[in-house]
């Protein structure tokens, strides 16, 4: 796949992916990066500013939790508005994928509709 296209698609979907992970369980940023990295190429440098934006939007809330291996960690949890945002994003994503797939799927040709999609 064209690397530039894949990068743009990832940028458009990363917020939704983070919210989906947080819907399953609260998490701290490094752990989020590890979970995302299991599925896609992503760096901490991408996720840290994203978490600030999600907090500014009110889609996530934070709290500190003590760690057995070091200083307290800043955990993120999905807020009620984050749940709503994720539902909206998921619906839009499904509609988008369906639209793209309808264009990409080969259709039987109809000689009377030459040039039509």
N, C-alpha and C. Protein backbone atom coordinates (compact mmCIF):
# COMPACT_ATOMS: atom_id res chain seq x y z
N UNK A 1 0.84 -1.18 0.00
CA UNK A 1 0.00 0.00 0.00
C UNK A 1 0.88 1.23 0.00
N UNK A 2 0.43 2.24 -0.67
CA UNK A 2 1.11 3.52 -0.69
C UNK A 2 1.25 4.01 0.76
N UNK A 3 2.50 4.22 1.20
CA UNK A 3 2.76 4.60 2.59
C UNK A 3 2.06 5.90 2.96
N UNK A 4 2.04 6.88 2.07
CA UNK A 4 1.40 8.16 2.38
C UNK A 4 -0.10 7.97 2.58
N UNK A 5 -0.74 7.15 1.78
CA UNK A 5 -2.17 6.89 1.93
C UNK A 5 -2.44 6.18 3.25
N UNK A 6 -1.65 5.17 3.55
CA UNK A 6 -1.85 4.42 4.80
C UNK A 6 -1.67 5.34 6.01
N UNK A 7 -0.69 6.23 5.95
CA UNK A 7 -0.46 7.18 7.05
C UNK A 7 -1.66 8.09 7.23
N UNK A 8 -2.21 8.60 6.13
CA UNK A 8 -3.37 9.48 6.22
C UNK A 8 -4.59 8.74 6.77
N UNK A 9 -4.80 7.51 6.33
CA UNK A 9 -5.92 6.72 6.84
C UNK A 9 -5.76 6.46 8.34
N UNK A 10 -4.55 6.16 8.76
CA UNK A 10 -4.28 5.91 10.18
C UNK A 10 -4.55 7.16 11.00
N UNK A 11 -4.09 8.31 10.51
CA UNK A 11 -4.32 9.57 11.22
C UNK A 11 -5.81 9.84 11.40
N UNK A 12 -6.59 9.49 10.40
CA UNK A 12 -8.02 9.71 10.48
C UNK A 12 -8.73 8.77 11.44
N UNK A 13 -8.12 7.65 11.74
CA UNK A 13 -8.80 6.64 12.55
C UNK A 13 -8.21 6.46 13.95
N UNK A 14 -7.09 7.07 14.24
CA UNK A 14 -6.40 6.81 15.50
C UNK A 14 -7.22 7.23 16.72
N UNK A 15 -7.91 8.37 16.64
CA UNK A 15 -8.76 8.80 17.77
C UNK A 15 -9.79 7.74 18.10
N UNK A 16 -10.44 7.25 17.07
CA UNK A 16 -11.47 6.24 17.25
C UNK A 16 -10.87 4.96 17.87
N UNK A 17 -9.69 4.57 17.42
CA UNK A 17 -9.04 3.38 17.97
C UNK A 17 -8.71 3.55 19.46
N UNK A 18 -8.20 4.71 19.82
CA UNK A 18 -7.87 4.96 21.24
C UNK A 18 -9.14 4.94 22.08
N UNK A 19 -10.20 5.59 21.61
CA UNK A 19 -11.45 5.58 22.37
C UNK A 19 -11.99 4.16 22.50
N UNK A 20 -11.85 3.35 21.45
CA UNK A 20 -12.32 1.96 21.51
C UNK A 20 -11.55 1.16 22.54
N UNK A 21 -10.25 1.37 22.62
CA UNK A 21 -9.44 0.67 23.63
C UNK A 21 -9.86 1.10 25.02
N UNK A 22 -10.08 2.40 25.21
CA UNK A 22 -10.47 2.91 26.53
C UNK A 22 -11.88 2.47 26.92
N UNK A 23 -12.71 2.16 25.93
CA UNK A 23 -14.05 1.66 26.25
C UNK A 23 -13.95 0.28 26.92
N UNK A 24 -12.92 -0.47 26.55
CA UNK A 24 -12.72 -1.81 27.14
C UNK A 24 -12.16 -1.74 28.56
N UNK A 25 -11.22 -0.79 28.76
CA UNK A 25 -10.58 -0.66 30.07
C UNK A 25 -9.79 0.64 30.14
N UNK A 26 -9.70 1.20 31.34
CA UNK A 26 -8.86 2.37 31.57
C UNK A 26 -7.41 2.00 31.23
N UNK A 27 -6.62 2.99 30.85
CA UNK A 27 -5.25 2.70 30.46
C UNK A 27 -4.39 3.94 30.60
N UNK A 28 -3.07 3.75 30.66
CA UNK A 28 -2.14 4.86 30.63
C UNK A 28 -1.51 4.89 29.24
N UNK A 29 -0.88 6.00 28.88
CA UNK A 29 -0.47 6.23 27.50
C UNK A 29 0.47 5.17 26.96
N UNK A 30 1.49 4.80 27.72
CA UNK A 30 2.43 3.80 27.21
C UNK A 30 1.72 2.48 26.91
N UNK A 31 0.80 2.11 27.76
CA UNK A 31 0.03 0.88 27.55
C UNK A 31 -0.84 1.01 26.29
N UNK A 32 -1.43 2.17 26.06
CA UNK A 32 -2.20 2.41 24.85
C UNK A 32 -1.32 2.23 23.61
N UNK A 33 -0.13 2.78 23.66
CA UNK A 33 0.81 2.66 22.54
C UNK A 33 1.12 1.19 22.28
N UNK A 34 1.35 0.43 23.33
CA UNK A 34 1.64 -1.00 23.18
C UNK A 34 0.47 -1.73 22.53
N UNK A 35 -0.73 -1.43 22.96
CA UNK A 35 -1.91 -2.09 22.39
C UNK A 35 -2.09 -1.71 20.92
N UNK A 36 -1.93 -0.44 20.60
CA UNK A 36 -2.05 0.00 19.21
C UNK A 36 -0.94 -0.60 18.35
N UNK A 37 0.27 -0.67 18.89
CA UNK A 37 1.42 -1.19 18.14
C UNK A 37 1.24 -2.65 17.75
N UNK A 38 0.41 -3.36 18.46
CA UNK A 38 0.14 -4.76 18.11
C UNK A 38 -0.65 -4.85 16.80
N UNK A 39 -1.25 -3.75 16.37
CA UNK A 39 -2.10 -3.76 15.19
C UNK A 39 -1.63 -2.84 14.07
N UNK A 40 -0.84 -1.83 14.42
CA UNK A 40 -0.41 -0.84 13.42
C UNK A 40 0.88 -0.18 13.86
N UNK A 41 1.55 0.45 12.90
CA UNK A 41 2.76 1.21 13.21
C UNK A 41 2.35 2.54 13.83
N UNK A 42 2.75 2.73 15.08
CA UNK A 42 2.37 3.95 15.81
C UNK A 42 3.49 4.27 16.80
N UNK A 43 3.66 5.54 17.10
CA UNK A 43 4.71 5.93 18.04
C UNK A 43 4.12 6.67 19.23
N UNK A 44 4.88 6.69 20.31
CA UNK A 44 4.45 7.43 21.50
C UNK A 44 4.26 8.90 21.16
N UNK A 45 5.09 9.42 20.28
CA UNK A 45 5.02 10.82 19.90
C UNK A 45 3.70 11.20 19.24
N UNK A 46 3.00 10.23 18.70
CA UNK A 46 1.68 10.46 18.12
C UNK A 46 0.60 10.42 19.18
N UNK A 47 0.73 9.51 20.13
CA UNK A 47 -0.34 9.26 21.09
C UNK A 47 -0.37 10.29 22.22
N UNK A 48 0.77 10.74 22.71
CA UNK A 48 0.77 11.69 23.83
C UNK A 48 -0.01 12.98 23.50
N UNK A 49 0.26 13.64 22.36
CA UNK A 49 -0.54 14.85 22.06
C UNK A 49 -2.01 14.53 21.82
N UNK A 50 -2.28 13.35 21.26
CA UNK A 50 -3.66 12.93 21.04
C UNK A 50 -4.41 12.83 22.35
N UNK A 51 -3.76 12.31 23.38
CA UNK A 51 -4.41 12.16 24.68
C UNK A 51 -4.75 13.53 25.27
N UNK A 52 -3.90 14.52 25.06
CA UNK A 52 -4.21 15.88 25.52
C UNK A 52 -5.43 16.42 24.78
N UNK A 53 -5.50 16.19 23.46
CA UNK A 53 -6.65 16.66 22.69
C UNK A 53 -7.93 15.98 23.15
N UNK A 54 -7.87 14.68 23.38
CA UNK A 54 -9.06 13.95 23.83
C UNK A 54 -9.52 14.46 25.19
N UNK A 55 -8.57 14.81 26.04
CA UNK A 55 -8.92 15.37 27.35
C UNK A 55 -9.53 16.76 27.18
N UNK A 56 -8.95 17.58 26.30
CA UNK A 56 -9.50 18.92 26.04
C UNK A 56 -10.92 18.85 25.47
N UNK A 57 -11.19 17.82 24.66
CA UNK A 57 -12.53 17.62 24.09
C UNK A 57 -13.53 17.14 25.15
N UNK A 58 -13.01 16.66 26.28
CA UNK A 58 -13.87 16.11 27.33
C UNK A 58 -14.26 14.67 27.08
N UNK A 59 -13.58 14.01 26.16
CA UNK A 59 -13.90 12.62 25.83
C UNK A 59 -13.21 11.63 26.74
N UNK A 60 -12.16 12.06 27.44
CA UNK A 60 -11.49 11.21 28.43
C UNK A 60 -11.30 12.00 29.71
N UNK A 61 -11.22 11.28 30.80
CA UNK A 61 -10.90 11.85 32.11
C UNK A 61 -9.64 11.16 32.61
N UNK A 62 -8.93 11.81 33.50
CA UNK A 62 -7.68 11.25 34.01
C UNK A 62 -7.74 11.06 35.51
N UNK A 63 -6.90 10.16 35.97
CA UNK A 63 -6.68 9.97 37.40
C UNK A 63 -5.30 9.35 37.58
N UNK A 64 -4.70 9.55 38.74
CA UNK A 64 -3.39 8.97 39.03
C UNK A 64 -3.57 7.66 39.80
N UNK A 65 -2.72 6.70 39.45
CA UNK A 65 -2.74 5.42 40.16
C UNK A 65 -1.31 5.04 40.47
N UNK A 66 -1.09 4.66 41.71
CA UNK A 66 0.26 4.25 42.13
C UNK A 66 0.73 3.06 41.32
N UNK A 67 2.04 3.01 41.08
CA UNK A 67 2.64 1.92 40.34
C UNK A 67 3.65 1.21 41.22
N UNK A 68 3.69 -0.10 41.14
CA UNK A 68 4.65 -0.88 41.94
C UNK A 68 6.07 -0.73 41.38
N UNK A 69 6.20 -0.29 40.14
CA UNK A 69 7.52 -0.22 39.50
C UNK A 69 8.04 1.19 39.31
N UNK A 70 7.40 2.19 39.91
CA UNK A 70 7.88 3.55 39.72
C UNK A 70 6.85 4.57 40.19
N UNK A 71 6.93 5.77 39.62
CA UNK A 71 5.99 6.82 40.03
C UNK A 71 4.56 6.50 39.62
N UNK A 72 3.63 7.24 40.19
CA UNK A 72 2.21 7.05 39.85
C UNK A 72 2.00 7.30 38.36
N UNK A 73 1.07 6.56 37.80
CA UNK A 73 0.77 6.68 36.37
C UNK A 73 -0.53 7.45 36.17
N UNK A 74 -0.55 8.22 35.09
CA UNK A 74 -1.75 8.95 34.72
C UNK A 74 -2.60 8.04 33.84
N UNK A 75 -3.73 7.63 34.37
CA UNK A 75 -4.65 6.76 33.64
C UNK A 75 -5.74 7.59 32.98
N UNK A 76 -6.22 7.06 31.87
CA UNK A 76 -7.31 7.68 31.13
C UNK A 76 -8.52 6.76 31.16
N UNK A 77 -9.69 7.35 31.30
CA UNK A 77 -10.94 6.60 31.21
C UNK A 77 -11.86 7.36 30.28
N UNK A 78 -12.71 6.63 29.61
CA UNK A 78 -13.67 7.22 28.68
C UNK A 78 -14.76 7.93 29.47
N UNK A 79 -15.07 9.16 29.09
CA UNK A 79 -16.17 9.90 29.72
C UNK A 79 -17.47 9.57 28.99
N UNK A 80 -18.58 10.05 29.52
CA UNK A 80 -19.87 9.83 28.85
C UNK A 80 -19.87 10.45 27.46
N UNK A 81 -19.29 11.64 27.32
CA UNK A 81 -19.24 12.25 25.98
C UNK A 81 -18.27 11.50 25.07
N UNK A 82 -17.27 10.84 25.65
CA UNK A 82 -16.37 10.00 24.87
C UNK A 82 -17.07 8.77 24.33
N UNK A 83 -17.97 8.20 25.13
CA UNK A 83 -18.77 7.05 24.67
C UNK A 83 -19.64 7.48 23.49
N UNK A 84 -20.26 8.64 23.60
CA UNK A 84 -21.09 9.16 22.51
C UNK A 84 -20.25 9.44 21.27
N UNK A 85 -19.08 10.05 21.45
CA UNK A 85 -18.20 10.35 20.32
C UNK A 85 -17.77 9.07 19.63
N UNK A 86 -17.42 8.05 20.41
CA UNK A 86 -17.01 6.77 19.83
C UNK A 86 -18.15 6.14 19.04
N UNK A 87 -19.36 6.19 19.57
CA UNK A 87 -20.51 5.62 18.85
C UNK A 87 -20.71 6.34 17.52
N UNK A 88 -20.59 7.67 17.53
CA UNK A 88 -20.75 8.45 16.30
C UNK A 88 -19.64 8.12 15.30
N UNK A 89 -18.40 8.08 15.79
CA UNK A 89 -17.26 7.76 14.92
C UNK A 89 -17.40 6.37 14.33
N UNK A 90 -17.80 5.42 15.15
CA UNK A 90 -17.95 4.03 14.67
C UNK A 90 -19.01 3.95 13.57
N UNK A 91 -20.11 4.65 13.77
CA UNK A 91 -21.17 4.67 12.75
C UNK A 91 -20.66 5.30 11.45
N UNK A 92 -19.99 6.43 11.58
CA UNK A 92 -19.45 7.10 10.40
C UNK A 92 -18.41 6.22 9.70
N UNK A 93 -17.59 5.53 10.49
CA UNK A 93 -16.58 4.64 9.92
C UNK A 93 -17.25 3.51 9.12
N UNK A 94 -18.27 2.89 9.70
CA UNK A 94 -18.98 1.81 9.01
C UNK A 94 -19.59 2.30 7.70
N UNK A 95 -20.17 3.49 7.73
CA UNK A 95 -20.76 4.07 6.52
C UNK A 95 -19.68 4.35 5.48
N UNK A 96 -18.55 4.88 5.93
CA UNK A 96 -17.44 5.19 5.03
C UNK A 96 -16.90 3.93 4.38
N UNK A 97 -16.67 2.89 5.18
CA UNK A 97 -16.16 1.63 4.65
C UNK A 97 -17.15 1.04 3.65
N UNK A 98 -18.43 1.10 3.95
CA UNK A 98 -19.44 0.58 3.02
C UNK A 98 -19.42 1.36 1.71
N UNK A 99 -19.27 2.68 1.78
CA UNK A 99 -19.21 3.49 0.56
C UNK A 99 -18.00 3.12 -0.29
N UNK A 100 -16.84 3.01 0.36
CA UNK A 100 -15.62 2.67 -0.36
C UNK A 100 -15.73 1.26 -0.95
N UNK A 101 -16.21 0.32 -0.16
CA UNK A 101 -16.36 -1.05 -0.65
C UNK A 101 -17.33 -1.13 -1.82
N UNK A 102 -18.38 -0.31 -1.80
CA UNK A 102 -19.33 -0.34 -2.91
C UNK A 102 -18.69 0.13 -4.22
N UNK A 103 -17.70 1.00 -4.11
CA UNK A 103 -16.99 1.44 -5.30
C UNK A 103 -15.96 0.39 -5.73
N UNK A 104 -15.29 -0.22 -4.76
CA UNK A 104 -14.22 -1.17 -5.07
C UNK A 104 -14.73 -2.53 -5.54
N UNK A 105 -15.91 -2.93 -5.11
CA UNK A 105 -16.45 -4.23 -5.48
C UNK A 105 -16.81 -4.26 -6.96
N UNK A 106 -16.33 -5.27 -7.67
CA UNK A 106 -16.73 -5.36 -9.08
C UNK A 106 -18.22 -5.67 -9.18
N UNK A 107 -18.85 -5.04 -10.16
CA UNK A 107 -20.27 -5.27 -10.41
C UNK A 107 -20.43 -5.94 -11.77
N UNK A 108 -21.49 -6.69 -11.91
CA UNK A 108 -21.75 -7.23 -13.25
C UNK A 108 -21.96 -6.08 -14.24
N UNK A 109 -21.41 -6.22 -15.38
CA UNK A 109 -21.55 -5.15 -16.36
C UNK A 109 -22.90 -5.24 -17.06
N UNK A 110 -23.47 -4.09 -17.28
CA UNK A 110 -24.75 -3.99 -17.97
C UNK A 110 -24.49 -3.14 -19.21
N UNK A 111 -24.55 -3.73 -20.40
CA UNK A 111 -24.21 -2.98 -21.61
C UNK A 111 -25.04 -1.71 -21.82
N UNK A 112 -26.20 -1.63 -21.22
CA UNK A 112 -27.05 -0.44 -21.40
C UNK A 112 -26.62 0.71 -20.50
N UNK A 113 -25.76 0.43 -19.52
CA UNK A 113 -25.32 1.48 -18.59
C UNK A 113 -23.82 1.74 -18.75
N UNK A 114 -23.37 1.84 -19.95
CA UNK A 114 -21.94 2.05 -20.21
C UNK A 114 -21.46 3.34 -19.55
N UNK A 115 -20.38 3.23 -18.82
CA UNK A 115 -19.77 4.38 -18.17
C UNK A 115 -20.37 4.72 -16.81
N UNK A 116 -21.43 4.07 -16.43
CA UNK A 116 -22.05 4.36 -15.12
C UNK A 116 -21.34 3.56 -14.04
N UNK A 117 -21.29 4.10 -12.85
CA UNK A 117 -20.73 3.39 -11.69
C UNK A 117 -21.77 2.57 -11.02
